[in-house]
Amino acid sequence: MSTSNTRDRILDALQDTLIRGGYSAVTLEAVAREAEVSKGGLLYHFPSKAAMVNGLIERLRELAEEEFRQALESEEGLVRVFLRTSLPQSREEKELYWALIAALRSHEELEEEAVRHVQYLFEHWRELLHEELTDPVLAEIILRAGDGLYMAAIAGLAPPDPELTGQMIDRLVEESDKVRRAR
């Protein structure tokens, strides 16, 4: 089995463990068992629990970079893509991000790099919105609306009415179209 396949299996197992049991369920042994690798094989790729979480956050950062690129190139427009992707697409996605945020907030053992990666994901959307729109107040309103949708979803709050959410997104896109910078 190739090194990258083993590494990916370990990260997949970590993700599944986080979704099922949260950060407290993550142990080297549990992830190794889930990934069907020896503990030594796991330690070859990730020397600690923190290193595994850092690896997963790095994987998510790489996926987000692709999302940023698509948002900039999309016919939908950056604002609509941002707001649409602010709603987690599955229960697993919600639980994964909730577990990662909890891990980042409550465990000093995680590397500062992991915290910076997560902060970057939120901050980069902010930068993109401010670059896209000439109205900084509207850019912040859109950012905070997206962040609110995201946090409410991963915190397990009652889902917003889909029709009302669609109308909110349409309204914000309509307003942003008025102040979009020419490309």
Protein backbone atom coordinates (compact mmCIF):
# COMPACT_ATOMS: atom_id res chain seq x y z
CA MET A 1 0.00 0.00 0.00
CA SER A 2 1.37 3.41 -0.91
CA THR A 3 2.34 5.94 1.72
CA SER A 4 -0.23 8.48 0.52
CA ASN A 5 -3.02 5.88 0.57
CA THR A 6 -2.12 4.92 4.14
CA ARG A 7 -1.96 8.58 5.17
CA ASP A 8 -5.36 9.23 3.55
CA ARG A 9 -6.86 6.16 5.25
CA ILE A 10 -5.59 7.42 8.60
CA LEU A 11 -7.10 10.88 7.98
CA ASP A 12 -10.37 9.28 6.85
CA ALA A 13 -10.40 7.18 10.03
CA LEU A 14 -9.68 10.27 12.14
CA GLN A 15 -12.54 12.10 10.47
CA ASP A 16 -14.93 9.19 11.08
CA THR A 17 -13.84 8.96 14.71
CA LEU A 18 -14.36 12.70 15.22
CA ILE A 19 -17.82 12.51 13.68
CA ARG A 20 -18.89 9.51 15.77
CA GLY A 21 -17.40 10.45 19.12
CA GLY A 22 -15.91 13.93 19.05
CA TYR A 23 -12.36 14.87 19.96
CA SER A 24 -12.39 12.92 23.23
CA ALA A 25 -12.90 9.68 21.25
CA VAL A 26 -9.71 10.27 19.25
CA THR A 27 -6.84 8.14 20.42
CA LEU A 28 -3.92 6.79 18.42
CA GLU A 29 -5.20 3.27 19.03
CA ALA A 30 -8.78 4.03 17.97
CA VAL A 31 -7.69 5.73 14.75
CA ALA A 32 -5.17 2.99 13.92
CA ARG A 33 -7.87 0.36 14.43
CA GLU A 34 -10.36 2.30 12.27
CA ALA A 35 -7.74 2.79 9.53
CA GLU A 36 -6.68 -0.87 9.78
CA VAL A 37 -3.03 0.01 10.31
CA SER A 38 -0.69 -0.80 13.14
CA LYS A 39 -0.05 1.83 15.75
CA GLY A 40 3.53 1.95 14.47
CA GLY A 41 2.23 2.56 10.94
CA LEU A 42 0.10 5.39 12.23
CA LEU A 43 3.02 6.88 14.17
CA TYR A 44 5.15 6.78 11.02
CA HIS A 45 2.76 9.26 9.40
CA PHE A 46 1.56 11.12 12.49
CA PRO A 47 3.73 11.09 15.62
CA SER A 48 0.90 12.37 17.86
CA LYS A 49 -2.82 12.98 18.14
CA ALA A 50 -2.17 16.69 17.51
CA ALA A 51 -0.22 15.86 14.34
CA MET A 52 -3.20 13.84 13.06
CA VAL A 53 -5.60 16.72 13.69
CA ASN A 54 -3.14 19.10 12.02
CA GLY A 55 -3.06 16.74 9.02
CA LEU A 56 -6.83 16.72 8.79
CA ILE A 57 -7.01 20.50 9.05
CA GLU A 58 -4.38 20.79 6.32
CA ARG A 59 -6.48 18.50 4.12
CA LEU A 60 -9.53 20.68 4.75
CA ARG A 61 -7.49 23.80 3.96
CA GLU A 62 -6.50 22.30 0.60
CA LEU A 63 -10.15 21.56 -0.18
CA ALA A 64 -11.07 25.12 0.82
CA GLU A 65 -8.45 26.51 -1.56
CA GLU A 66 -10.23 24.72 -4.38
CA GLU A 67 -13.54 26.15 -3.13
CA PHE A 68 -12.05 29.67 -3.14
CA ARG A 69 -10.82 29.19 -6.70
CA GLN A 70 -14.21 27.92 -7.85
CA ALA A 71 -16.00 30.80 -6.11
CA LEU A 72 -13.86 33.33 -7.96
CA GLU A 73 -14.45 31.64 -11.32
CA SER A 74 -18.10 30.70 -10.83
CA GLU A 75 -20.91 32.05 -12.96
CA GLU A 76 -22.94 32.21 -9.70
CA GLY A 77 -20.67 34.87 -8.31
CA LEU A 78 -18.53 34.91 -5.20
CA VAL A 79 -21.27 36.11 -2.83
CA ARG A 80 -23.76 33.40 -3.78
CA VAL A 81 -21.09 30.68 -3.58
CA PHE A 82 -19.96 31.93 -0.17
CA LEU A 83 -23.49 31.99 1.24
CA ARG A 84 -24.42 28.64 -0.32
CA THR A 85 -21.31 26.95 1.05
CA SER A 86 -21.93 28.48 4.47
CA LEU A 87 -24.62 25.82 4.89
CA PRO A 88 -22.98 22.44 5.61
CA GLN A 89 -24.09 19.92 3.01
CA SER A 90 -24.43 16.90 5.31
CA ARG A 91 -24.78 15.82 8.91
CA GLU A 92 -21.24 14.42 8.74
CA GLU A 93 -19.84 17.76 7.58
CA LYS A 94 -21.59 19.57 10.45
CA GLU A 95 -20.32 17.11 13.03
CA LEU A 96 -16.78 17.13 11.66
CA TYR A 97 -16.46 20.91 11.81
CA TRP A 98 -18.07 21.09 15.25
CA ALA A 99 -15.58 18.50 16.55
CA LEU A 100 -12.64 20.34 14.98
CA ILE A 101 -13.68 23.68 16.43
CA ALA A 102 -14.14 22.08 19.84
CA ALA A 103 -10.69 20.50 19.55
CA LEU A 104 -9.12 23.81 18.61
CA ARG A 105 -10.81 25.65 21.48
CA SER A 106 -10.16 23.19 24.27
CA HIS A 107 -6.84 21.48 23.71
CA GLU A 108 -3.59 23.33 24.07
CA GLU A 109 -1.72 20.34 22.63
CA LEU A 110 -2.75 21.27 19.10
CA GLU A 111 -0.14 23.07 17.11
CA GLU A 112 -0.49 26.79 16.49
CA GLU A 113 -0.30 26.01 12.77
CA ALA A 114 -3.65 24.20 12.95
CA VAL A 115 -5.25 27.21 14.59
CA ARG A 116 -3.76 29.50 11.93
CA HIS A 117 -5.12 27.27 9.14
CA VAL A 118 -8.65 27.45 10.51
CA GLN A 119 -8.40 31.21 11.07
CA TYR A 120 -7.13 31.58 7.51
CA LEU A 121 -10.20 29.82 6.11
CA PHE A 122 -12.52 32.32 7.75
CA GLU A 123 -10.30 35.32 7.08
CA HIS A 124 -9.77 34.48 3.41
CA TRP A 125 -13.51 34.60 2.74
CA ARG A 126 -13.48 38.04 4.38
CA GLU A 127 -10.66 39.20 2.10
CA LEU A 128 -12.38 37.84 -1.00
CA LEU A 129 -15.66 39.56 -0.14
CA HIS A 130 -13.94 42.89 0.52
CA GLU A 131 -12.02 42.59 -2.75
CA GLU A 132 -15.21 41.75 -4.63
CA LEU A 133 -17.40 44.56 -3.26
CA THR A 134 -16.84 48.31 -3.08
CA ASP A 135 -19.08 48.57 -0.02
CA PRO A 136 -17.17 47.31 3.06
CA VAL A 137 -20.31 47.40 5.24
CA LEU A 138 -22.20 45.13 2.85
CA ALA A 139 -19.16 42.84 2.62
CA GLU A 140 -19.19 42.51 6.43
CA ILE A 141 -22.96 41.92 6.53
CA ILE A 142 -22.59 39.12 3.98
CA LEU A 143 -19.62 37.66 5.86
CA ARG A 144 -21.46 37.68 9.18
CA ALA A 145 -24.62 36.24 7.60
CA GLY A 146 -22.59 33.36 6.17
CA ASP A 147 -20.72 32.82 9.43
CA GLY A 148 -24.02 32.84 11.32
CA LEU A 149 -25.57 30.26 8.99
CA TYR A 150 -22.47 28.11 9.37
CA MET A 151 -22.20 28.33 13.15
CA ALA A 152 -25.92 27.78 13.69
CA ALA A 153 -25.81 24.68 11.50
CA ILE A 154 -22.79 23.08 13.14
CA ALA A 155 -24.07 23.95 16.63
CA GLY A 156 -27.22 21.99 15.88
CA LEU A 157 -29.65 24.89 16.08
CA ALA A 158 -32.95 24.52 14.26
CA PRO A 159 -32.32 24.76 10.55
CA PRO A 160 -33.44 27.98 8.91
CA ASP A 161 -36.49 27.88 6.67
CA PRO A 162 -35.08 26.93 3.24
CA GLU A 163 -37.37 29.34 1.39
CA LEU A 164 -36.51 32.24 3.68
CA THR A 165 -32.81 31.38 3.47
CA GLY A 166 -33.03 31.37 -0.32
CA GLN A 167 -34.71 34.78 -0.25
CA MET A 168 -32.03 36.12 2.10
CA ILE A 169 -29.28 34.87 -0.20
CA ASP A 170 -31.05 36.32 -3.25
CA ARG A 171 -31.42 39.71 -1.54
CA LEU A 172 -27.77 39.83 -0.49
CA VAL A 173 -26.64 38.80 -3.97
CA GLU A 174 -28.92 41.46 -5.50
CA GLU A 175 -27.41 44.14 -3.24
CA SER A 176 -23.88 42.92 -3.86
CA ASP A 177 -24.40 43.05 -7.63
CA LYS A 178 -24.86 46.83 -7.26
CA VAL A 179 -21.42 47.28 -5.71
CA ARG A 180 -19.39 44.53 -7.36
CA ARG A 181 -16.00 45.63 -8.63
CA ALA A 182 -15.38 45.19 -12.33
CA ARG A 183 -12.97 42.39 -13.15
